Protein backbone atom coordinates (compact mmCIF):
# COMPACT_ATOMS: atom_id res chain seq x y z
CA UNK A 1 -2.37 -31.67 10.43
CA UNK A 2 -5.72 -32.00 12.20
CA UNK A 3 -6.94 -28.53 13.18
CA UNK A 4 -10.33 -26.87 13.41
CA UNK A 5 -9.21 -23.37 12.49
CA UNK A 6 -6.56 -21.65 10.38
CA UNK A 7 -5.69 -18.05 11.21
CA UNK A 8 -3.66 -15.80 8.93
CA UNK A 9 -1.54 -12.69 9.17
CA UNK A 10 -2.45 -9.96 6.67
CA UNK A 11 0.50 -7.81 5.58
CA UNK A 12 3.15 -9.89 3.83
CA UNK A 13 0.99 -13.01 4.08
CA UNK A 14 -2.42 -12.54 2.45
CA UNK A 15 -1.34 -9.50 0.44
CA UNK A 16 2.25 -10.39 -0.37
CA UNK A 17 3.00 -14.12 -0.37
CA UNK A 18 5.83 -13.92 2.15
CA UNK A 19 7.06 -10.45 1.11
CA UNK A 20 6.96 -7.79 3.81
CA UNK A 21 5.77 -4.27 3.02
CA UNK A 22 9.18 -2.68 3.64
CA UNK A 23 11.17 -4.45 0.87
CA UNK A 24 8.18 -4.22 -1.47
CA UNK A 25 8.02 -0.43 -1.05
CA UNK A 26 11.80 -0.10 -1.35
CA UNK A 27 11.89 -2.07 -4.61
CA UNK A 28 9.16 0.15 -6.04
CA UNK A 29 10.97 3.38 -5.11
CA UNK A 30 14.20 2.09 -6.64
CA UNK A 31 12.39 1.09 -9.82
CA UNK A 32 11.07 4.66 -9.97
CA UNK A 33 14.64 5.98 -9.90
CA UNK A 34 15.14 6.92 -6.24
CA UNK A 35 18.50 5.60 -4.90
CA UNK A 36 17.33 4.74 -1.39
CA UNK A 37 19.41 2.51 0.88
CA UNK A 38 17.67 -0.06 3.06
CA UNK A 39 18.56 1.71 6.31
CA UNK A 40 17.50 5.14 4.99
CA UNK A 41 14.16 3.84 3.86
CA UNK A 42 13.66 1.71 6.98
CA UNK A 43 13.56 4.88 9.09
CA UNK A 44 10.95 6.42 6.77
CA UNK A 45 8.88 3.24 6.72
CA UNK A 46 8.90 2.99 10.52
CA UNK A 47 7.86 6.65 10.77
CA UNK A 48 4.92 6.02 8.43
CA UNK A 49 3.87 2.98 10.42
CA UNK A 50 3.91 4.90 13.71
CA UNK A 51 1.86 7.70 12.16
CA UNK A 52 -0.72 5.23 10.84
CA UNK A 53 -1.13 3.60 14.25
CA UNK A 54 -1.72 7.01 15.82
CA UNK A 55 -4.04 8.62 13.25
CA UNK A 56 -7.76 8.10 13.90
CA UNK A 57 -8.53 8.82 10.24
CA UNK A 58 -7.11 5.43 9.28
CA UNK A 59 -10.31 3.74 10.42
CA UNK A 60 -12.15 5.14 7.41
CA UNK A 61 -9.61 4.24 4.73
CA UNK A 62 -9.69 1.40 2.23
CA UNK A 63 -6.66 -0.20 0.60
CA UNK A 64 -5.84 2.68 -1.77
CA UNK A 65 -6.19 5.28 0.98
CA UNK A 66 -4.09 3.26 3.42
CA UNK A 67 -1.18 2.95 1.00
CA UNK A 68 -1.45 6.61 -0.04
CA UNK A 69 -1.27 7.65 3.63
CA UNK A 70 1.78 5.43 4.17
CA UNK A 71 3.60 6.80 1.13
CA UNK A 72 2.86 10.40 2.12
CA UNK A 73 4.36 9.82 5.56
CA UNK A 74 7.37 8.02 4.07
CA UNK A 75 8.10 11.00 1.84
CA UNK A 76 7.57 13.32 4.79
CA UNK A 77 10.30 11.55 6.74
CA UNK A 78 12.69 11.27 3.80
CA UNK A 79 12.57 15.06 3.53
CA UNK A 80 13.88 15.57 7.07
CA UNK A 81 17.49 14.61 6.21
CA UNK A 82 17.56 14.48 2.44
CA UNK A 83 16.10 17.44 0.60
CA UNK A 84 17.31 16.09 -2.76
CA UNK A 85 15.16 13.00 -2.47
CA UNK A 86 12.21 14.83 -0.92
CA UNK A 87 12.26 17.66 -3.48
CA UNK A 88 12.38 15.19 -6.33
CA UNK A 89 9.41 13.20 -5.04
CA UNK A 90 7.36 16.27 -4.17
CA UNK A 91 8.19 18.04 -7.44
CA UNK A 92 7.51 14.95 -9.51
CA UNK A 93 4.23 13.66 -8.13
CA UNK A 94 4.33 10.95 -10.76
CA UNK A 95 6.89 9.05 -8.67
CA UNK A 96 4.72 8.98 -5.56
CA UNK A 97 1.67 8.06 -7.62
CA UNK A 98 3.62 5.25 -9.27
CA UNK A 99 4.66 3.81 -5.90
CA UNK A 100 1.07 3.87 -4.67
CA UNK A 101 -0.38 2.46 -7.88
CA UNK A 102 2.09 -0.39 -8.19
CA UNK A 103 1.93 -1.35 -4.52
CA UNK A 104 -1.87 -1.42 -4.54
CA UNK A 105 -1.92 -3.35 -7.82
CA UNK A 106 0.42 -6.01 -6.44
CA UNK A 107 -1.57 -6.22 -3.20
CA UNK A 108 -4.86 -6.69 -5.03
CA UNK A 109 -3.37 -9.43 -7.20
CA UNK A 110 -2.01 -11.26 -4.16
CA UNK A 111 -5.29 -10.84 -2.28
CA UNK A 112 -7.22 -12.28 -5.20
CA UNK A 113 -4.99 -15.37 -5.13
CA UNK A 114 -5.35 -15.58 -1.35
CA UNK A 115 -9.13 -15.35 -1.59
CA UNK A 116 -9.13 -18.41 -3.86
CA UNK A 117 -6.95 -20.34 -1.39
CA UNK A 118 -9.09 -19.32 1.59
CA UNK A 119 -12.26 -20.29 -0.26
CA UNK A 120 -10.96 -23.83 -0.68
CA UNK A 121 -9.45 -24.14 2.82
CA UNK A 122 -12.60 -22.66 4.34
CA UNK A 123 -14.59 -25.67 3.20
CA UNK A 124 -12.63 -27.77 5.71
CA UNK A 125 -11.83 -25.44 8.64
CA UNK A 126 -12.86 -22.15 10.22
CA UNK A 127 -10.83 -19.14 9.09
CA UNK A 128 -9.70 -15.90 10.69
CA UNK A 129 -7.13 -13.10 10.47
CA UNK A 130 -4.91 -11.64 13.19
CA UNK A 131 -2.92 -8.57 12.21
CA UNK A 132 -1.03 -5.61 13.61
CA UNK A 133 -2.99 -3.03 11.65
CA UNK A 134 -4.58 0.40 11.82
CA UNK A 135 -8.21 -0.21 12.77
CA UNK A 136 -9.43 -0.54 9.17
CA UNK A 137 -8.48 -4.10 8.23
CA UNK A 138 -12.11 -5.24 8.19
CA UNK A 139 -12.85 -2.49 5.66
CA UNK A 140 -10.00 -3.61 3.39
CA UNK A 141 -10.86 -7.30 3.62
CA UNK A 142 -14.50 -6.51 2.82
CA UNK A 143 -13.39 -4.42 -0.15
CA UNK A 144 -11.37 -7.30 -1.65
CA UNK A 145 -13.95 -10.00 -0.96
CA UNK A 146 -12.06 -11.85 1.78
CA UNK A 147 -14.09 -10.78 4.83
CA UNK A 148 -17.10 -13.03 4.08
CA UNK A 149 -14.80 -16.06 4.32
CA UNK A 150 -13.68 -15.22 7.87
CA UNK A 151 -15.17 -16.03 11.26
CA UNK A 152 -13.11 -13.30 12.95
CA UNK A 153 -10.83 -10.38 12.10
CA UNK A 154 -8.60 -9.33 15.01
CA UNK A 155 -7.04 -5.95 14.19
CA UNK A 156 -4.58 -4.60 16.76
CA UNK A 157 -5.87 -1.10 16.12
CA UNK A 158 -9.31 -2.20 17.28
CA UNK A 159 -8.48 -4.54 20.19
CA UNK A 160 -5.50 -2.75 21.75
CA UNK A 161 -3.27 -5.83 21.58
CA UNK A 162 -0.29 -6.32 19.27
CA UNK A 163 1.60 -9.34 18.02
CA UNK A 164 3.69 -11.05 19.32
CA UNK A 165 1.68 -10.75 22.55
CA UNK A 166 0.07 -14.19 23.13
CA UNK A 167 -3.14 -12.48 24.23
CA UNK A 168 -4.04 -11.34 20.71
CA UNK A 169 -3.86 -14.94 19.46
CA UNK A 170 -5.82 -16.16 22.47
CA UNK A 171 -8.55 -13.61 21.71
CA UNK A 172 -8.89 -14.89 18.15
CA UNK A 173 -9.27 -18.57 19.08
CA UNK A 174 -11.69 -17.60 21.84
CA UNK A 175 -13.85 -15.78 19.30
CA UNK A 176 -13.79 -18.78 17.00
CA UNK A 177 -14.58 -21.18 19.83
CA UNK A 178 -11.71 -23.64 19.61
CA UNK A 179 -8.71 -24.47 21.77
CA UNK A 180 -5.32 -22.98 20.83
CA UNK A 181 -3.97 -26.46 20.08
CA UNK A 182 -6.78 -26.89 17.54
CA UNK A 183 -5.66 -23.85 15.51
CA UNK A 184 -2.87 -23.17 13.01
CA UNK A 185 -1.41 -19.70 12.51
CA UNK A 186 0.13 -18.72 9.17
CA UNK A 187 2.43 -15.71 8.99
CA UNK A 188 5.56 -14.34 7.32
CA UNK A 189 7.22 -12.72 10.36
CA UNK A 190 9.12 -15.11 12.60
CA UNK A 191 9.32 -12.67 15.52
CA UNK A 192 5.73 -11.40 15.45
CA UNK A 193 3.82 -14.33 13.99
CA UNK A 194 5.62 -17.55 14.85
CA UNK A 195 6.95 -16.62 18.28
CA UNK A 196 3.63 -15.10 19.37
CA UNK A 197 1.43 -17.89 18.05
CA UNK A 198 3.53 -20.64 19.60
CA UNK A 199 3.58 -18.81 22.95
CA UNK A 200 -0.23 -18.84 22.81
CA UNK A 201 -0.26 -22.60 22.13
CA UNK A 202 -1.15 -22.55 18.41
CA UNK A 203 0.44 -24.63 15.68
CA UNK A 204 2.64 -22.52 13.40
CA UNK A 205 3.23 -22.27 9.65
CA UNK A 206 6.01 -19.87 8.63
CA UNK A 207 5.46 -18.37 5.18
CA UNK A 208 9.05 -17.79 4.09
CA UNK A 209 8.26 -17.03 0.46
CA UNK A 210 10.34 -18.06 -2.55
CA UNK A 211 13.71 -17.29 -0.87
CA UNK A 212 14.96 -19.49 1.96
CA UNK A 213 15.42 -17.75 5.31
CA UNK A 214 17.43 -18.87 8.31
CA UNK A 215 15.35 -19.73 11.36
CA UNK A 216 16.54 -18.63 14.82
CA UNK A 217 14.45 -21.28 16.60
CA UNK A 218 13.33 -24.16 14.35
CA UNK A 219 11.51 -25.87 17.20
CA UNK A 220 8.88 -23.10 17.11
CA UNK A 221 7.96 -23.82 13.48
CA UNK A 222 5.70 -26.76 12.69
CA UNK A 223 5.91 -26.27 8.93
CA UNK A 224 7.49 -23.90 6.42
CA UNK A 225 5.48 -22.66 3.44
CA UNK A 226 6.89 -21.34 0.18
CA UNK A 227 3.51 -20.08 -0.98
CA UNK A 228 0.10 -19.67 0.61
CA UNK A 229 -1.26 -22.47 -1.54
CA UNK A 230 1.00 -24.88 0.40
CA UNK A 231 -1.35 -24.61 3.37
CA UNK A 232 -3.94 -26.66 1.48
CA UNK A 233 -1.67 -29.72 1.50
CA UNK A 234 -1.12 -29.72 5.27
CA UNK A 235 -4.76 -29.38 6.38
CA UNK A 236 -6.34 -32.79 6.90
């Protein structure tokens, strides 16, 4: 594939190799002994995400602080309908600390691997990140050594645009200085990443991870990736 730029999603792509935050958090809670169902935790996760988008303090937080904020809001919501779960988490702070520690550890490991991939790919094309985030993504990417590899970081919390709106992708390629058709977007979410990027005229690479996923519209996907390292083989 002949492109001038490769743009990446952050959550679930650079920090998780095709694994979204929600199932990652849920697996960690279950491993800690909390019997949460997917639907029960989904409501708590969505509550935490909304709170993070709305809280101006997020702009000053690094990776550890961001995850700690998210977990605190998750627990807050779990306590609304289920005092047994909430009381156990609040009474045993070790559980909450374990969730934060393990999630951050896994994110840092994935980001270290991603930094190595981006270093190699960046020798051939211009790189950038487009993410629905909380206004502090540049801080996190600087903290983990990825920011210096990027020509642009487009954080929805900073620009007031959110994926899958085509405008957020158009802003990124405009900042880089290439045409949409000269850029490839890599992301793990079909609805937010692939649909939005294709609507903006970019090539698309869907990071499905190690488990195969059904695709609602295969014509929108130029290539499927099992791992982020696969992007190296498709860049001419």
